PDB file of N, CA and C in Angstrom:
ATOM      1  N   MET A   1      25.221  20.077   5.795  1.00  0.00           N
ATOM      2  CA  MET A   1      24.475  19.986   4.561  1.00  0.00           C
ATOM      3  C   MET A   1      23.509  21.123   4.512  1.00  0.00           C
ATOM      4  N   ASN A   2      23.668  21.957   3.446  1.00  0.00           N
ATOM      5  CA  ASN A   2      22.708  23.027   3.321  1.00  0.00           C
ATOM      6  C   ASN A   2      22.034  22.963   2.063  1.00  0.00           C
ATOM      7  N   ARG A   3      20.798  22.387   2.076  1.00  0.00           N
ATOM      8  CA  ARG A   3      20.019  22.291   0.848  1.00  0.00           C
ATOM      9  C   ARG A   3      18.723  23.135   1.044  1.00  0.00           C
ATOM     10  N   ASN A   4      18.356  23.759  -0.087  1.00  0.00           N
ATOM     11  CA  ASN A   4      16.998  24.387  -0.156  1.00  0.00           C
ATOM     12  C   ASN A   4      16.006  23.349  -0.368  1.00  0.00           C
ATOM     13  N   LEU A   5      15.202  23.162   0.637  1.00  0.00           N
ATOM     14  CA  LEU A   5      14.113  22.134   0.439  1.00  0.00           C
ATOM     15  C   LEU A   5      12.851  23.059   0.297  1.00  0.00           C
ATOM     16  N   HIS A   6      12.157  22.576  -0.743  1.00  0.00           N
ATOM     17  CA  HIS A   6      10.844  23.148  -1.064  1.00  0.00           C
ATOM     18  C   HIS A   6       9.777  22.071  -1.440  1.00  0.00           C
ATOM     19  N   PRO A   7       8.565  22.306  -1.184  1.00  0.00           N
ATOM     20  CA  PRO A   7       7.629  21.250  -1.469  1.00  0.00           C
ATOM     21  C   PRO A   7       7.447  21.075  -3.024  1.00  0.00           C
ATOM     22  N   VAL A   8       7.296  19.712  -3.394  1.00  0.00           N
ATOM     23  CA  VAL A   8       7.054  19.449  -4.821  1.00  0.00           C
ATOM     24  C   VAL A   8       5.787  18.568  -4.924  1.00  0.00           C
ATOM     25  N   THR A   9       5.087  18.513  -5.997  1.00  0.00           N
ATOM     26  CA  THR A   9       3.901  17.635  -6.153  1.00  0.00           C
ATOM     27  C   THR A   9       4.532  16.270  -6.445  1.00  0.00           C
ATOM     28  N   VAL A  10       3.652  15.276  -6.361  1.00  0.00           N
ATOM     29  CA  VAL A  10       4.000  13.896  -6.743  1.00  0.00           C
ATOM     30  C   VAL A  10       4.464  13.847  -8.178  1.00  0.00           C
ATOM     31  N   GLN A  11       3.841  14.492  -9.013  1.00  0.00           N
ATOM     32  CA  GLN A  11       4.160  14.541 -10.483  1.00  0.00           C
ATOM     33  C   GLN A  11       5.541  15.147 -10.764  1.00  0.00           C
ATOM     34  N   GLN A  12       5.778  16.160 -10.025  1.00  0.00           N
ATOM     35  CA  GLN A  12       7.179  16.834 -10.173  1.00  0.00           C
ATOM     36  C   GLN A  12       8.226  15.890  -9.649  1.00  0.00           C
ATOM     37  N   ALA A  13       7.958  15.193  -8.532  1.00  0.00           N
ATOM     38  CA  ALA A  13       8.812  14.241  -7.918  1.00  0.00           C
ATOM     39  C   ALA A  13       9.040  13.015  -8.983  1.00  0.00           C
ATOM     40  N   ALA A  14       7.977  12.535  -9.616  1.00  0.00           N
ATOM     41  CA  ALA A  14       8.117  11.422 -10.508  1.00  0.00           C
ATOM     42  C   ALA A  14       8.872  11.808 -11.822  1.00  0.00           C
ATOM     43  N   GLU A  15       8.704  13.040 -12.157  1.00  0.00           N
ATOM     44  CA  GLU A  15       9.484  13.551 -13.454  1.00  0.00           C
ATOM     45  C   GLU A  15      10.833  13.608 -13.043  1.00  0.00           C
ATOM     46  N   GLY A  16      11.318  13.818 -11.902  1.00  0.00           N
ATOM     47  CA  GLY A  16      12.704  14.018 -11.511  1.00  0.00           C
ATOM     48  C   GLY A  16      13.356  12.660 -11.227  1.00  0.00           C
ATOM     49  N   SER A  17      12.710  11.624 -11.146  1.00  0.00           N
ATOM     50  CA  SER A  17      13.194  10.321 -10.781  1.00  0.00           C
ATOM     51  C   SER A  17      12.758   9.241 -11.825  1.00  0.00           C
ATOM     52  N   PRO A  18      13.591   8.550 -12.529  1.00  0.00           N
ATOM     53  CA  PRO A  18      13.122   7.524 -13.439  1.00  0.00           C
ATOM     54  C   PRO A  18      12.325   6.447 -12.897  1.00  0.00           C
ATOM     55  N   THR A  19      12.821   5.998 -11.613  1.00  0.00           N
ATOM     56  CA  THR A  19      11.989   5.030 -10.964  1.00  0.00           C
ATOM     57  C   THR A  19      10.610   5.444 -10.531  1.00  0.00           C
ATOM     58  N   LEU A  20      10.474   6.599  -9.944  1.00  0.00           N
ATOM     59  CA  LEU A  20       9.099   7.083  -9.715  1.00  0.00           C
ATOM     60  C   LEU A  20       8.285   7.322 -11.012  1.00  0.00           C
ATOM     61  N   ALA A  21       8.975   7.894 -12.005  1.00  0.00           N
ATOM     62  CA  ALA A  21       8.220   8.082 -13.293  1.00  0.00           C
ATOM     63  C   ALA A  21       7.637   6.774 -13.897  1.00  0.00           C
ATOM     64  N   ARG A  22       8.493   5.700 -13.732  1.00  0.00           N
ATOM     65  CA  ARG A  22       8.048   4.358 -14.213  1.00  0.00           C
ATOM     66  C   ARG A  22       6.795   3.869 -13.347  1.00  0.00           C
ATOM     67  N   LEU A  23       6.882   3.987 -12.076  1.00  0.00           N
ATOM     68  CA  LEU A  23       5.869   3.637 -11.138  1.00  0.00           C
ATOM     69  C   LEU A  23       4.599   4.382 -11.507  1.00  0.00           C
ATOM     70  N   ALA A  24       4.679   5.776 -11.743  1.00  0.00           N
ATOM     71  CA  ALA A  24       3.556   6.478 -12.020  1.00  0.00           C
ATOM     72  C   ALA A  24       2.927   6.121 -13.384  1.00  0.00           C
ATOM     73  N   GLU A  25       3.728   5.804 -14.327  1.00  0.00           N
ATOM     74  CA  GLU A  25       3.333   5.279 -15.615  1.00  0.00           C
ATOM     75  C   GLU A  25       2.503   3.999 -15.437  1.00  0.00           C
ATOM     76  N   LEU A  26       3.020   3.039 -14.669  1.00  0.00           N
ATOM     77  CA  LEU A  26       2.342   1.829 -14.416  1.00  0.00           C
ATOM     78  C   LEU A  26       1.030   1.973 -13.691  1.00  0.00           C
ATOM     79  N   ALA A  27       0.988   2.881 -12.757  1.00  0.00           N
ATOM     80  CA  ALA A  27      -0.281   3.194 -12.079  1.00  0.00           C
ATOM     81  C   ALA A  27      -1.354   3.687 -13.033  1.00  0.00           C
ATOM     82  N   ARG A  28      -0.860   4.631 -13.867  1.00  0.00           N
ATOM     83  CA  ARG A  28      -1.778   5.213 -14.892  1.00  0.00           C
ATOM     84  C   ARG A  28      -2.418   4.119 -15.725  1.00  0.00           C
ATOM     85  N   GLU A  29      -1.413   3.264 -16.387  1.00  0.00           N
ATOM     86  CA  GLU A  29      -1.869   2.255 -17.234  1.00  0.00           C
ATOM     87  C   GLU A  29      -2.792   1.257 -16.546  1.00  0.00           C
ATOM     88  N   SER A  30      -2.539   0.944 -15.315  1.00  0.00           N
ATOM     89  CA  SER A  30      -3.424   0.031 -14.633  1.00  0.00           C
ATOM     90  C   SER A  30      -4.783   0.543 -14.563  1.00  0.00           C
ATOM     91  N   GLY A  31      -4.986   1.884 -14.303  1.00  0.00           N
ATOM     92  CA  GLY A  31      -6.184   2.483 -14.182  1.00  0.00           C
ATOM     93  C   GLY A  31      -6.925   2.461 -15.566  1.00  0.00           C
ATOM     94  N   GLU A  32      -6.201   2.730 -16.563  1.00  0.00           N
ATOM     95  CA  GLU A  32      -6.652   2.621 -17.916  1.00  0.00           C
ATOM     96  C   GLU A  32      -7.173   1.238 -18.323  1.00  0.00           C
ATOM     97  N   ARG A  33      -6.428   0.248 -17.770  1.00  0.00           N
ATOM     98  CA  ARG A  33      -6.841  -1.152 -18.136  1.00  0.00           C
ATOM     99  C   ARG A  33      -8.231  -1.414 -17.446  1.00  0.00           C
ATOM    100  N   LEU A  34      -8.328  -1.009 -16.277  1.00  0.00           N
ATOM    101  CA  LEU A  34      -9.562  -1.158 -15.514  1.00  0.00           C
ATOM    102  C   LEU A  34     -10.794  -0.487 -16.138  1.00  0.00           C
ATOM    103  N   ARG A  35     -10.606   0.738 -16.623  1.00  0.00           N
ATOM    104  CA  ARG A  35     -11.650   1.507 -17.356  1.00  0.00           C
ATOM    105  C   ARG A  35     -11.959   0.671 -18.657  1.00  0.00           C
ATOM    106  N   ALA A  36     -11.012   0.055 -19.216  1.00  0.00           N
ATOM    107  CA  ALA A  36     -11.226  -0.635 -20.528  1.00  0.00           C
ATOM    108  C   ALA A  36     -12.127  -1.895 -20.366  1.00  0.00           C
ATOM    109  N   ILE A  37     -12.024  -2.544 -19.141  1.00  0.00           N
ATOM    110  CA  ILE A  37     -12.749  -3.728 -18.883  1.00  0.00           C
ATOM    111  C   ILE A  37     -13.997  -3.505 -18.107  1.00  0.00           C
ATOM    112  N   GLU A  38     -14.133  -2.334 -17.555  1.00  0.00           N
ATOM    113  CA  GLU A  38     -15.328  -2.075 -16.635  1.00  0.00           C
ATOM    114  C   GLU A  38     -16.653  -2.511 -17.155  1.00  0.00           C
ATOM    115  N   SER A  39     -16.936  -2.275 -18.408  1.00  0.00           N
ATOM    116  CA  SER A  39     -18.241  -2.549 -18.980  1.00  0.00           C
ATOM    117  C   SER A  39     -18.450  -4.114 -19.057  1.00  0.00           C
ATOM    118  N   LEU A  40     -17.362  -4.909 -18.895  1.00  0.00           N
ATOM    119  CA  LEU A  40     -17.548  -6.383 -18.885  1.00  0.00           C
ATOM    120  C   LEU A  40     -17.771  -6.926 -17.518  1.00  0.00           C
ATOM    121  N   LEU A  41     -17.554  -6.132 -16.557  1.00  0.00           N
ATOM    122  CA  LEU A  41     -17.831  -6.622 -15.117  1.00  0.00           C
ATOM    123  C   LEU A  41     -19.279  -6.516 -14.766  1.00  0.00           C
ATOM    124  N   PRO A  42     -19.713  -7.549 -14.031  1.00  0.00           N
ATOM    125  CA  PRO A  42     -21.083  -7.406 -13.630  1.00  0.00           C
ATOM    126  C   PRO A  42     -21.311  -6.176 -12.787  1.00  0.00           C
ATOM    127  N   ALA A  43     -22.483  -5.534 -13.009  1.00  0.00           N
ATOM    128  CA  ALA A  43     -22.764  -4.202 -12.387  1.00  0.00           C
ATOM    129  C   ALA A  43     -22.506  -4.190 -11.005  1.00  0.00           C
ATOM    130  N   GLY A  44     -22.964  -5.251 -10.219  1.00  0.00           N
ATOM    131  CA  GLY A  44     -22.807  -5.276  -8.793  1.00  0.00           C
ATOM    132  C   GLY A  44     -21.451  -5.499  -8.269  1.00  0.00           C
ATOM    133  N   LEU A  45     -20.488  -5.837  -9.198  1.00  0.00           N
ATOM    134  CA  LEU A  45     -19.090  -6.132  -8.923  1.00  0.00           C
ATOM    135  C   LEU A  45     -18.171  -5.005  -9.127  1.00  0.00           C
ATOM    136  N   ARG A  46     -18.627  -4.150  -9.857  1.00  0.00           N
ATOM    137  CA  ARG A  46     -17.636  -2.978 -10.292  1.00  0.00           C
ATOM    138  C   ARG A  46     -17.127  -2.211  -9.129  1.00  0.00           C
ATOM    139  N   SER A  47     -17.886  -1.919  -8.164  1.00  0.00           N
ATOM    140  CA  SER A  47     -17.280  -1.061  -7.059  1.00  0.00           C
ATOM    141  C   SER A  47     -16.346  -1.938  -6.121  1.00  0.00           C
ATOM    142  N   ALA A  48     -16.353  -3.291  -6.228  1.00  0.00           N
ATOM    143  CA  ALA A  48     -15.552  -4.062  -5.438  1.00  0.00           C
ATOM    144  C   ALA A  48     -14.165  -4.442  -6.142  1.00  0.00           C
ATOM    145  N   VAL A  49     -13.982  -3.992  -7.340  1.00  0.00           N
ATOM    146  CA  VAL A  49     -12.687  -4.228  -8.087  1.00  0.00           C
ATOM    147  C   VAL A  49     -11.900  -3.081  -8.269  1.00  0.00           C
ATOM    148  N   LYS A  50     -10.655  -3.104  -7.962  1.00  0.00           N
ATOM    149  CA  LYS A  50      -9.691  -1.966  -8.079  1.00  0.00           C
ATOM    150  C   LYS A  50      -8.590  -2.413  -8.892  1.00  0.00           C
ATOM    151  N   ALA A  51      -7.952  -1.459  -9.619  1.00  0.00           N
ATOM    152  CA  ALA A  51      -6.841  -1.795 -10.425  1.00  0.00           C
ATOM    153  C   ALA A  51      -5.556  -2.099  -9.567  1.00  0.00           C
ATOM    154  N   GLY A  52      -4.864  -3.070  -9.853  1.00  0.00           N
ATOM    155  CA  GLY A  52      -3.641  -3.570  -9.122  1.00  0.00           C
ATOM    156  C   GLY A  52      -2.357  -3.248  -9.941  1.00  0.00           C
ATOM    157  N   PRO A  53      -1.261  -3.891  -9.443  1.00  0.00           N
ATOM    158  CA  PRO A  53       0.037  -3.689 -10.104  1.00  0.00           C
ATOM    159  C   PRO A  53       0.136  -4.450 -11.447  1.00  0.00           C
ATOM    160  N   ILE A  54       0.930  -3.896 -12.221  1.00  0.00           N
ATOM    161  CA  ILE A  54       1.271  -4.601 -13.534  1.00  0.00           C
ATOM    162  C   ILE A  54       2.727  -5.033 -13.369  1.00  0.00           C
ATOM    163  N   GLU A  55       2.861  -6.423 -13.629  1.00  0.00           N
ATOM    164  CA  GLU A  55       4.183  -7.008 -13.545  1.00  0.00           C
ATOM    165  C   GLU A  55       4.509  -7.814 -14.876  1.00  0.00           C
ATOM    166  N   GLY A  56       5.290  -7.061 -15.662  1.00  0.00           N
ATOM    167  CA  GLY A  56       5.473  -7.699 -16.987  1.00  0.00           C
ATOM    168  C   GLY A  56       4.263  -7.757 -17.859  1.00  0.00           C
ATOM    169  N   THR A  57       3.867  -8.959 -18.312  1.00  0.00           N
ATOM    170  CA  THR A  57       2.644  -9.135 -19.146  1.00  0.00           C
ATOM    171  C   THR A  57       1.573  -9.598 -18.158  1.00  0.00           C
ATOM    172  N   GLY A  58       1.657  -9.505 -16.840  1.00  0.00           N
ATOM    173  CA  GLY A  58       0.667  -9.960 -16.022  1.00  0.00           C
ATOM    174  C   GLY A  58       0.067  -8.709 -15.385  1.00  0.00           C
ATOM    175  N   TRP A  59      -1.126  -8.848 -14.881  1.00  0.00           N
ATOM    176  CA  TRP A  59      -1.917  -7.705 -14.322  1.00  0.00           C
ATOM    177  C   TRP A  59      -2.535  -8.238 -13.111  1.00  0.00           C
ATOM    178  N   CYS A  60      -2.768  -7.481 -12.127  1.00  0.00           N
ATOM    179  CA  CYS A  60      -3.519  -7.991 -10.845  1.00  0.00           C
ATOM    180  C   CYS A  60      -4.662  -7.083 -10.601  1.00  0.00           C
ATOM    181  N   LEU A  61      -5.709  -7.688 -10.291  1.00  0.00           N
ATOM    182  CA  LEU A  61      -6.998  -7.004  -9.853  1.00  0.00           C
ATOM    183  C   LEU A  61      -7.111  -7.241  -8.339  1.00  0.00           C
ATOM    184  N   LEU A  62      -7.471  -6.190  -7.668  1.00  0.00           N
ATOM    185  CA  LEU A  62      -7.717  -6.265  -6.293  1.00  0.00           C
ATOM    186  C   LEU A  62      -9.224  -6.256  -5.987  1.00  0.00           C
ATOM    187  N   VAL A  63      -9.696  -7.235  -5.268  1.00  0.00           N
ATOM    188  CA  VAL A  63     -11.105  -7.414  -5.146  1.00  0.00           C
ATOM    189  C   VAL A  63     -11.482  -7.530  -3.661  1.00  0.00           C
ATOM    190  N   GLU A  64     -12.548  -6.933  -3.291  1.00  0.00           N
ATOM    191  CA  GLU A  64     -13.111  -6.974  -1.917  1.00  0.00           C
ATOM    192  C   GLU A  64     -13.828  -8.223  -1.642  1.00  0.00           C
ATOM    193  N   GLY A  65     -13.327  -9.228  -0.975  1.00  0.00           N
ATOM    194  CA  GLY A  65     -14.020 -10.427  -0.685  1.00  0.00           C
ATOM    195  C   GLY A  65     -13.916 -11.548  -1.620  1.00  0.00           C
ATOM    196  N   ASN A  66     -14.088 -12.691  -0.993  1.00  0.00           N
ATOM    197  CA  ASN A  66     -13.928 -14.040  -1.775  1.00  0.00           C
ATOM    198  C   ASN A  66     -15.096 -14.263  -2.704  1.00  0.00           C
ATOM    199  N   ALA A  67     -16.193 -13.839  -2.381  1.00  0.00           N
ATOM    200  CA  ALA A  67     -17.423 -14.050  -3.267  1.00  0.00           C
ATOM    201  C   ALA A  67     -17.173 -13.202  -4.503  1.00  0.00           C
ATOM    202  N   ALA A  68     -16.756 -11.909  -4.369  1.00  0.00           N
ATOM    203  CA  ALA A  68     -16.507 -11.111  -5.601  1.00  0.00           C
ATOM    204  C   ALA A  68     -15.311 -11.754  -6.430  1.00  0.00           C
ATOM    205  N   ALA A  69     -14.373 -12.275  -5.733  1.00  0.00           N
ATOM    206  CA  ALA A  69     -13.204 -12.914  -6.439  1.00  0.00           C
ATOM    207  C   ALA A  69     -13.688 -14.156  -7.277  1.00  0.00           C
ATOM    208  N   ALA A  70     -14.518 -14.974  -6.678  1.00  0.00           N
ATOM    209  CA  ALA A  70     -14.983 -16.153  -7.363  1.00  0.00           C
ATOM    210  C   ALA A  70     -15.861 -15.741  -8.502  1.00  0.00           C
ATOM    211  N   LYS A  71     -16.684 -14.667  -8.447  1.00  0.00           N
ATOM    212  CA  LYS A  71     -17.483 -14.179  -9.629  1.00  0.00           C
ATOM    213  C   LYS A  71     -16.566 -13.593 -10.655  1.00  0.00           C
ATOM    214  N   LEU A  72     -15.496 -12.855 -10.245  1.00  0.00           N
ATOM    215  CA  LEU A  72     -14.589 -12.310 -11.209  1.00  0.00           C
ATOM    216  C   LEU A  72     -13.822 -13.349 -11.995  1.00  0.00           C
ATOM    217  N   ARG A  73     -13.551 -14.411 -11.385  1.00  0.00           N
ATOM    218  CA  ARG A  73     -12.785 -15.593 -12.045  1.00  0.00           C
ATOM    219  C   ARG A  73     -13.489 -16.019 -13.213  1.00  0.00           C
ATOM    220  N   GLN A  74     -14.816 -15.910 -13.139  1.00  0.00           N
ATOM    221  CA  GLN A  74     -15.674 -16.475 -14.244  1.00  0.00           C
ATOM    222  C   GLN A  74     -15.620 -15.704 -15.549  1.00  0.00           C
ATOM    223  N   VAL A  75     -15.256 -14.417 -15.438  1.00  0.00           N
ATOM    224  CA  VAL A  75     -15.162 -13.492 -16.528  1.00  0.00           C
ATOM    225  C   VAL A  75     -13.731 -13.148 -16.965  1.00  0.00           C
ATOM    226  N   LEU A  76     -12.705 -13.733 -16.297  1.00  0.00           N
ATOM    227  CA  LEU A  76     -11.245 -13.466 -16.636  1.00  0.00           C
ATOM    228  C   LEU A  76     -10.925 -13.649 -18.108  1.00  0.00           C
ATOM    229  N   PRO A  77     -11.368 -14.802 -18.777  1.00  0.00           N
ATOM    230  CA  PRO A  77     -11.033 -14.824 -20.209  1.00  0.00           C
ATOM    231  C   PRO A  77     -11.504 -13.753 -21.015  1.00  0.00           C
ATOM    232  N   ALA A  78     -12.723 -13.242 -20.747  1.00  0.00           N
ATOM    233  CA  ALA A  78     -13.296 -12.024 -21.512  1.00  0.00           C
ATOM    234  C   ALA A  78     -12.560 -10.888 -21.293  1.00  0.00           C
ATOM    235  N   LEU A  79     -12.119 -10.697 -19.980  1.00  0.00           N
ATOM    236  CA  LEU A  79     -11.320  -9.520 -19.696  1.00  0.00           C
ATOM    237  C   LEU A  79     -10.024  -9.422 -20.374  1.00  0.00           C
ATOM    238  N   GLN A  80      -9.343 -10.665 -20.327  1.00  0.00           N
ATOM    239  CA  GLN A  80      -8.089 -10.678 -21.017  1.00  0.00           C
ATOM    240  C   GLN A  80      -8.183 -10.599 -22.594  1.00  0.00           C
ATOM    241  N   ALA A  81      -9.186 -11.134 -23.112  1.00  0.00           N
ATOM    242  CA  ALA A  81      -9.403 -10.844 -24.597  1.00  0.00           C
ATOM    243  C   ALA A  81      -9.672  -9.474 -24.929  1.00  0.00           C
ATOM    244  N   GLN A  82     -10.365  -8.736 -24.153  1.00  0.00           N
ATOM    245  CA  GLN A  82     -10.750  -7.303 -24.352  1.00  0.00           C
ATOM    246  C   GLN A  82      -9.371  -6.579 -24.301  1.00  0.00           C
ATOM    247  N   LEU A  83      -8.612  -6.749 -23.314  1.00  0.00           N
ATOM    248  CA  LEU A  83      -7.357  -6.110 -23.060  1.00  0.00           C
ATOM    249  C   LEU A  83      -6.429  -6.294 -24.376  1.00  0.00           C
ATOM    250  N   CYS A  84      -6.263  -7.559 -24.702  1.00  0.00           N
ATOM    251  CA  CYS A  84      -5.432  -7.891 -25.853  1.00  0.00           C
ATOM    252  C   CYS A  84      -5.981  -7.302 -27.085  1.00  0.00           C
ATOM    253  N   GLY A  85      -7.319  -7.286 -27.267  1.00  0.00           N
ATOM    254  CA  GLY A  85      -7.891  -6.716 -28.408  1.00  0.00           C
ATOM    255  C   GLY A  85      -7.685  -5.181 -28.501  1.00  0.00           C
ATOM    256  N   LEU A  86      -7.436  -4.512 -27.419  1.00  0.00           N
ATOM    257  CA  LEU A  86      -7.177  -3.099 -27.375  1.00  0.00           C
ATOM    258  C   LEU A  86      -5.699  -2.870 -27.434  1.00  0.00           C
ATOM    259  N   GLY A  87      -4.790  -3.845 -27.569  1.00  0.00           N
ATOM    260  CA  GLY A  87      -3.364  -3.737 -27.825  1.00  0.00           C
ATOM    261  C   GLY A  87      -2.402  -3.953 -26.555  1.00  0.00           C
ATOM    262  N   TRP A  88      -3.036  -4.228 -25.445  1.00  0.00           N
ATOM    263  CA  TRP A  88      -2.151  -4.567 -24.362  1.00  0.00           C
ATOM    264  C   TRP A  88      -1.721  -5.995 -24.362  1.00  0.00           C
ATOM    265  N   GLU A  89      -0.515  -6.308 -24.100  1.00  0.00           N
ATOM    266  CA  GLU A  89      -0.041  -7.678 -24.009  1.00  0.00           C
ATOM    267  C   GLU A  89      -0.237  -8.151 -22.498  1.00  0.00           C
ATOM    268  N   VAL A  90      -1.356  -8.849 -22.329  1.00  0.00           N
ATOM    269  CA  VAL A  90      -1.704  -9.390 -21.048  1.00  0.00           C
ATOM    270  C   VAL A  90      -1.844 -10.902 -21.144  1.00  0.00           C
ATOM    271  N   THR A  91      -0.952 -11.600 -20.605  1.00  0.00           N
ATOM    272  CA  THR A  91      -0.870 -13.118 -20.627  1.00  0.00           C
ATOM    273  C   THR A  91      -1.529 -13.648 -19.335  1.00  0.00           C
ATOM    274  N   ALA A  92      -1.744 -12.919 -18.375  1.00  0.00           N
ATOM    275  CA  ALA A  92      -2.357 -13.469 -17.163  1.00  0.00           C
ATOM    276  C   ALA A  92      -2.967 -12.327 -16.427  1.00  0.00           C
ATOM    277  N   ILE A  93      -4.117 -12.605 -15.704  1.00  0.00           N
ATOM    278  CA  ILE A  93      -4.831 -11.592 -14.782  1.00  0.00           C
ATOM    279  C   ILE A  93      -4.857 -12.355 -13.521  1.00  0.00           C
ATOM    280  N   ARG A  94      -4.193 -11.915 -12.501  1.00  0.00           N
ATOM    281  CA  ARG A  94      -4.314 -12.401 -11.122  1.00  0.00           C
ATOM    282  C   ARG A  94      -5.412 -11.660 -10.279  1.00  0.00           C
ATOM    283  N   ILE A  95      -5.924 -12.414  -9.393  1.00  0.00           N
ATOM    284  CA  ILE A  95      -6.873 -11.735  -8.436  1.00  0.00           C
ATOM    285  C   ILE A  95      -6.323 -11.802  -7.086  1.00  0.00           C
ATOM    286  N   ARG A  96      -6.240 -10.689  -6.468  1.00  0.00           N
ATOM    287  CA  ARG A  96      -5.858 -10.619  -5.048  1.00  0.00           C
ATOM    288  C   ARG A  96      -7.021 -10.228  -4.203  1.00  0.00           C
ATOM    289  N   VAL A  97      -7.428 -10.855  -3.164  1.00  0.00           N
ATOM    290  CA  VAL A  97      -8.442 -10.596  -2.204  1.00  0.00           C
ATOM    291  C   VAL A  97      -8.012  -9.659  -1.236  1.00  0.00           C
ATOM    292  N   GLN A  98      -8.685  -8.561  -1.073  1.00  0.00           N
ATOM    293  CA  GLN A  98      -8.250  -7.456  -0.102  1.00  0.00           C
ATOM    294  C   GLN A  98      -9.217  -7.684   1.074  1.00  0.00           C
ATOM    295  N   THR A  99      -8.686  -7.769   2.297  1.00  0.00           N
ATOM    296  CA  THR A  99      -9.474  -7.830   3.525  1.00  0.00           C
ATOM    297  C   THR A  99      -9.712  -6.490   4.087  1.00  0.00           C
ATOM    298  N   VAL A 100     -10.937  -6.319   4.569  1.00  0.00           N
ATOM    299  CA  VAL A 100     -11.320  -5.044   5.134  1.00  0.00           C
ATOM    300  C   VAL A 100     -11.020  -5.140   6.508  1.00  0.00           C
ATOM    301  N   ARG A 101     -10.216  -4.114   7.000  1.00  0.00           N
ATOM    302  CA  ARG A 101      -9.884  -4.101   8.415  1.00  0.00           C
ATOM    303  C   ARG A 101     -10.622  -2.997   9.079  1.00  0.00           C
ATOM    304  N   GLY A 102     -11.118  -3.380  10.272  1.00  0.00           N
ATOM    305  CA  GLY A 102     -12.032  -2.471  10.890  1.00  0.00           C
ATOM    306  C   GLY A 102     -11.565  -1.944  12.264  1.00  0.00           C
TER     307      GLY A 102
END
């Protein structure tokens, strides 16, 4: 097998593969969703929340710690309403607690 291998950027690889292109699009959209709701998050909580995967009409937020997750659950209805008001079809927002490994 004689192939010319040359380095490509992640973006170039994504453009060459429909599967990777879709994953890149979902990652971009997830980040956009997080930016759209950031102002609704309590200031002390913003750094603990990360954009997670989009699965159909559901979206997942990744949160550092159980206390942050509990606080985030209190504002989920407002977050969902904000996203729907901006045109995203979001029927559920899940919270996944990320553990810090040391």
